[in-house]
């Protein structure tokens, strides 16, 4: 996954990714009706309830464990995950530059989803390879088609299990964007993941801060300090910490 990872009733195109990742339905428009018409009032309340449900359902995509939530309908999710407005706060090009990847690097994007980072990473390592890893079959289908459509022969899509990334080969970098909080039994997972890192390999985690105005509900977020503690217990040491993302922490680890 890969983060996380890794919504709005009107879709991200109409509102921009910042609003699309809101955690609740506060922005739903409910039109008042004349109190004398019970039929109209009932109809309007039903419409409002549907609007709020749609808002909440899309927001939950980044809050629920992959193992318990379906991310089917990848075309729909791509309107949120790949909205150009997301670039303003996700800063994907700055993230990739900060990782200082060699052109021939091998990279695994866990929780790759619709390919927001995987596609950019594949272009950043033209002589290397990127494994776009996801546990949702429809995301795997979508990303495979996208890689073919965009002529990215070095983007290999991997169908994984929620508790097993299933990396085909050792890599120089594993990255999870907005996906860490989806991973079950994290200490065991990342302890096993070390076996998929080449000597000198790194693990990068990007996920939402507690005070971010966008992202999953605060109860689903994992503070950066907790990530550091969990990964220390899994056998990693913090190597770098970048502070340029407005809504997320960006941590880079190496096996201890």
Protein backbone atom coordinates (compact mmCIF):
# COMPACT_ATOMS: atom_id res chain seq x y z
CA UNK A 1 0.00 0.00 0.00
CA UNK A 2 1.00 3.16 -0.46
CA UNK A 3 0.63 5.06 1.89
CA UNK A 4 -1.34 5.80 3.91
CA UNK A 5 -1.76 5.47 0.34
CA UNK A 6 -2.36 5.59 -0.16
CA UNK A 7 -13.64 12.51 -1.68
CA UNK A 8 -16.56 14.72 -2.43
CA UNK A 9 -20.07 14.29 -3.72
CA UNK A 10 -19.36 16.49 -6.73
CA UNK A 11 -15.96 14.89 -7.37
CA UNK A 12 -12.53 16.39 -7.04
CA UNK A 13 -12.67 18.00 -10.45
CA UNK A 14 -15.25 20.52 -9.34
CA UNK A 15 -13.86 21.29 -5.92
CA UNK A 16 -10.14 20.62 -5.92
CA UNK A 17 -8.27 17.90 -4.09
CA UNK A 18 -7.94 19.86 -0.86
CA UNK A 19 -11.68 19.84 -0.35
CA UNK A 20 -11.99 16.33 -1.79
CA UNK A 21 -9.97 14.92 1.08
CA UNK A 22 -12.13 16.51 3.78
CA UNK A 23 -13.04 14.13 6.57
CA UNK A 24 -16.74 14.89 6.85
CA UNK A 25 -19.75 16.25 5.04
CA UNK A 26 -19.81 19.78 6.42
CA UNK A 27 -19.72 21.35 2.95
CA UNK A 28 -22.89 19.66 1.67
CA UNK A 29 -25.43 22.21 0.44
CA UNK A 30 -28.88 21.74 1.99
CA UNK A 31 -31.54 23.96 0.40
CA UNK A 32 -34.27 25.15 2.80
CA UNK A 33 -37.88 24.52 1.76
CA UNK A 34 -41.16 26.01 2.85
CA UNK A 35 -42.27 24.39 6.13
CA UNK A 36 -45.78 23.96 4.83
CA UNK A 37 -44.88 21.20 2.38
CA UNK A 38 -44.13 17.92 4.13
CA UNK A 39 -43.61 16.12 0.83
CA UNK A 40 -41.04 18.60 -0.43
CA UNK A 41 -39.39 18.72 3.00
CA UNK A 42 -39.08 14.91 3.12
CA UNK A 43 -37.68 14.80 -0.41
CA UNK A 44 -35.11 17.48 0.35
CA UNK A 45 -34.01 15.79 3.57
CA UNK A 46 -33.55 12.53 1.69
CA UNK A 47 -31.44 14.29 -0.94
CA UNK A 48 -29.36 15.96 1.75
CA UNK A 49 -28.81 12.65 3.49
CA UNK A 50 -27.62 11.11 0.22
CA UNK A 51 -25.24 14.02 -0.38
CA UNK A 52 -23.73 13.68 3.10
CA UNK A 53 -23.45 9.91 2.66
CA UNK A 54 -21.60 10.40 -0.62
CA UNK A 55 -19.18 12.87 0.97
CA UNK A 56 -18.51 10.60 3.93
CA UNK A 57 -18.11 7.49 1.78
CA UNK A 58 -15.44 9.08 -0.41
CA UNK A 59 -13.58 10.47 2.59
CA UNK A 60 -13.53 7.01 4.18
CA UNK A 61 -11.38 5.78 1.31
CA UNK A 62 -8.36 7.16 3.14
CA UNK A 63 -9.45 6.14 6.64
CA UNK A 64 -10.27 2.44 6.56
CA UNK A 65 -7.87 -0.49 6.60
CA UNK A 66 -7.42 -1.87 3.06
CA UNK A 67 -8.15 -5.34 4.42
CA UNK A 68 -11.67 -4.29 5.46
CA UNK A 69 -12.61 -1.78 2.75
CA UNK A 70 -13.04 -2.11 -0.98
CA UNK A 71 -11.42 0.42 -3.31
CA UNK A 72 -13.36 -0.83 -6.31
CA UNK A 73 -14.36 1.63 -9.00
CA UNK A 74 -10.86 2.87 -9.72
CA UNK A 75 -12.03 5.27 -12.40
CA UNK A 76 -14.06 7.08 -9.76
CA UNK A 77 -11.18 7.18 -7.30
CA UNK A 78 -8.82 8.50 -9.96
CA UNK A 79 -10.85 11.71 -10.06
CA UNK A 80 -9.88 12.25 -6.41
CA UNK A 81 -6.41 10.74 -6.18
CA UNK A 82 -5.12 12.19 -9.47
CA UNK A 83 -6.80 15.59 -9.35
CA UNK A 84 -4.15 18.15 -10.42
CA UNK A 85 -5.21 20.36 -7.50
CA UNK A 86 -3.71 17.77 -5.16
CA UNK A 87 -0.26 18.76 -6.43
CA UNK A 88 -0.47 22.03 -4.49
CA UNK A 89 -0.17 20.31 -1.11
CA UNK A 90 1.17 16.86 -2.02
CA UNK A 91 4.15 18.37 -3.90
CA UNK A 92 5.01 15.08 -5.66
CA UNK A 93 7.93 16.45 -7.67
CA UNK A 94 9.53 17.90 -4.52
CA UNK A 95 9.06 14.58 -2.71
CA UNK A 96 10.74 12.66 -5.51
CA UNK A 97 13.61 15.14 -5.74
CA UNK A 98 14.17 14.83 -1.99
CA UNK A 99 14.56 11.06 -2.37
CA UNK A 100 17.59 11.55 -4.69
CA UNK A 101 16.91 8.45 -6.73
CA UNK A 102 19.49 7.15 -9.18
CA UNK A 103 18.18 6.71 -12.76
CA UNK A 104 18.59 2.95 -12.41
CA UNK A 105 16.96 2.67 -8.95
CA UNK A 106 14.44 -0.03 -8.09
CA UNK A 107 11.43 1.38 -6.21
CA UNK A 108 8.30 -0.11 -4.65
CA UNK A 109 5.26 2.14 -4.18
CA UNK A 110 3.07 0.30 -1.68
CA UNK A 111 -0.55 1.36 -1.84
CA UNK A 112 0.04 2.69 -5.35
CA UNK A 113 -3.68 3.07 -6.05
CA UNK A 114 -4.33 4.78 -9.38
CA UNK A 115 -0.65 5.62 -9.84
CA UNK A 116 -0.35 9.20 -8.61
CA UNK A 117 3.21 8.58 -7.37
CA UNK A 118 4.01 5.34 -9.23
CA UNK A 119 3.76 6.99 -12.64
CA UNK A 120 5.96 9.91 -11.59
CA UNK A 121 8.49 7.56 -9.99
CA UNK A 122 8.67 5.47 -13.17
CA UNK A 123 9.56 8.59 -15.14
CA UNK A 124 12.15 9.55 -12.52
CA UNK A 125 14.02 6.23 -12.87
CA UNK A 126 14.08 5.65 -16.66
CA UNK A 127 16.77 2.99 -16.37
CA UNK A 128 15.26 1.44 -13.27
CA UNK A 129 11.96 -0.13 -12.31
CA UNK A 130 8.96 0.75 -10.17
CA UNK A 131 6.69 -1.82 -8.57
CA UNK A 132 3.22 -0.37 -8.12
CA UNK A 133 1.87 -2.51 -5.28
CA UNK A 134 -1.79 -2.62 -4.25
CA UNK A 135 -4.15 -5.08 -2.59
CA UNK A 136 -7.29 -3.87 -4.38
CA UNK A 137 -7.88 -5.85 -7.61
CA UNK A 138 -9.56 -2.95 -9.39
CA UNK A 139 -6.64 -0.64 -8.60
CA UNK A 140 -4.27 -3.28 -9.99
CA UNK A 141 -6.34 -3.47 -13.17
CA UNK A 142 -6.51 0.30 -13.53
CA UNK A 143 -2.80 0.87 -12.93
CA UNK A 144 -1.86 -1.88 -15.39
CA UNK A 145 -3.96 -0.19 -18.04
CA UNK A 146 -2.52 3.21 -17.18
CA UNK A 147 1.06 1.96 -17.44
CA UNK A 148 0.31 0.56 -20.90
CA UNK A 149 -1.56 3.69 -21.97
CA UNK A 150 1.32 5.94 -20.91
CA UNK A 151 4.01 3.66 -22.33
CA UNK A 152 5.70 3.04 -18.99
CA UNK A 153 7.37 -0.32 -19.53
CA UNK A 154 9.34 0.09 -16.29
CA UNK A 155 6.18 0.32 -14.15
CA UNK A 156 5.32 -3.20 -13.00
CA UNK A 157 2.02 -3.60 -11.18
CA UNK A 158 1.94 -6.08 -8.30
CA UNK A 159 -1.19 -7.57 -6.74
CA UNK A 160 -0.46 -7.94 -3.03
CA UNK A 161 -2.24 -9.12 0.09
CA UNK A 162 -2.99 -6.55 2.84
CA UNK A 163 -0.45 -8.17 5.15
CA UNK A 164 2.15 -9.05 2.49
CA UNK A 165 3.60 -6.60 -0.08
CA UNK A 166 4.79 -9.48 -2.29
CA UNK A 167 7.75 -7.60 -3.76
CA UNK A 168 9.09 -9.46 -6.81
CA UNK A 169 12.69 -8.41 -6.08
CA UNK A 170 14.72 -6.42 -3.54
CA UNK A 171 14.49 -2.65 -4.05
CA UNK A 172 16.45 0.49 -3.23
CA UNK A 173 13.41 2.32 -1.90
CA UNK A 174 9.99 1.46 -0.54
CA UNK A 175 7.57 4.37 -0.28
CA UNK A 176 4.11 4.53 1.31
CA UNK A 177 2.11 7.71 0.73
CA UNK A 178 -1.07 8.13 2.80
CA UNK A 179 -1.00 4.36 3.30
CA UNK A 180 0.81 3.70 6.59
CA UNK A 181 -2.39 3.99 8.62
CA UNK A 182 -4.00 1.27 6.46
CA UNK A 183 -1.36 -1.37 7.21
CA UNK A 184 -2.45 -4.11 9.65
CA UNK A 185 -0.03 -5.45 12.27
CA UNK A 186 2.52 -2.84 11.27
CA UNK A 187 5.52 -3.95 13.30
CA UNK A 188 5.38 -7.46 11.87
CA UNK A 189 4.69 -6.13 8.37
CA UNK A 190 7.66 -3.77 8.32
CA UNK A 191 9.96 -6.29 9.96
CA UNK A 192 9.21 -8.63 7.06
CA UNK A 193 9.49 -5.79 4.57
CA UNK A 194 13.16 -5.31 5.49
CA UNK A 195 13.86 -8.52 3.60
CA UNK A 196 12.74 -6.73 0.44
CA UNK A 197 15.29 -3.92 0.77
CA UNK A 198 18.65 -4.06 -0.96
CA UNK A 199 21.75 -3.25 1.14
CA UNK A 200 21.54 0.47 1.88
CA UNK A 201 17.85 0.47 0.98
CA UNK A 202 15.42 3.00 2.44
CA UNK A 203 11.81 3.21 3.58
CA UNK A 204 9.89 6.48 3.08
CA UNK A 205 6.63 7.24 4.88
CA UNK A 206 4.40 10.18 3.94
CA UNK A 207 1.14 10.54 5.84
CA UNK A 208 -1.21 13.13 7.29
CA UNK A 209 -0.37 15.14 10.40
CA UNK A 210 -2.90 15.40 13.20
CA UNK A 211 -3.60 19.06 12.47
CA UNK A 212 -3.91 18.73 8.68
CA UNK A 213 -7.12 20.34 7.35
CA UNK A 214 -7.45 17.48 4.84
CA UNK A 215 -7.18 13.72 5.13
CA UNK A 216 -8.88 11.01 7.17
CA UNK A 217 -10.62 11.64 10.50
CA UNK A 218 -8.15 12.48 13.25
CA UNK A 219 -8.94 9.23 15.05
CA UNK A 220 -7.55 7.33 12.04
CA UNK A 221 -4.31 9.32 11.75
CA UNK A 222 -1.03 8.13 13.20
CA UNK A 223 1.33 10.81 14.59
CA UNK A 224 4.87 10.95 13.25
CA UNK A 225 6.30 10.11 16.69
CA UNK A 226 4.26 6.91 16.78
CA UNK A 227 5.52 5.96 13.32
CA UNK A 228 9.09 6.45 14.51
CA UNK A 229 8.47 4.31 17.61
CA UNK A 230 6.77 1.51 15.71
CA UNK A 231 9.46 1.37 13.05
CA UNK A 232 12.20 1.47 15.66
CA UNK A 233 10.65 -1.64 17.20
CA UNK A 234 10.51 -3.17 13.71
CA UNK A 235 14.25 -2.58 13.30
CA UNK A 236 14.55 0.76 11.48
CA UNK A 237 16.41 3.97 12.25
CA UNK A 238 15.28 7.43 11.17
CA UNK A 239 17.64 8.74 8.48
CA UNK A 240 15.91 11.92 7.30
CA UNK A 241 12.88 14.03 8.16
CA UNK A 242 11.60 16.58 5.64
CA UNK A 243 9.34 19.46 6.67
CA UNK A 244 8.23 21.04 3.40
CA UNK A 245 4.83 19.33 3.08
CA UNK A 246 2.05 21.50 4.55
CA UNK A 247 -0.31 18.67 5.57
CA UNK A 248 1.92 15.63 5.97
CA UNK A 249 5.08 14.37 7.60
CA UNK A 250 7.77 12.90 5.38
CA UNK A 251 10.08 10.41 7.11
CA UNK A 252 12.89 8.31 5.62
CA UNK A 253 14.25 5.25 7.44
CA UNK A 254 17.01 2.72 6.97
CA UNK A 255 17.32 -0.72 8.58
CA UNK A 256 19.11 -0.32 11.90
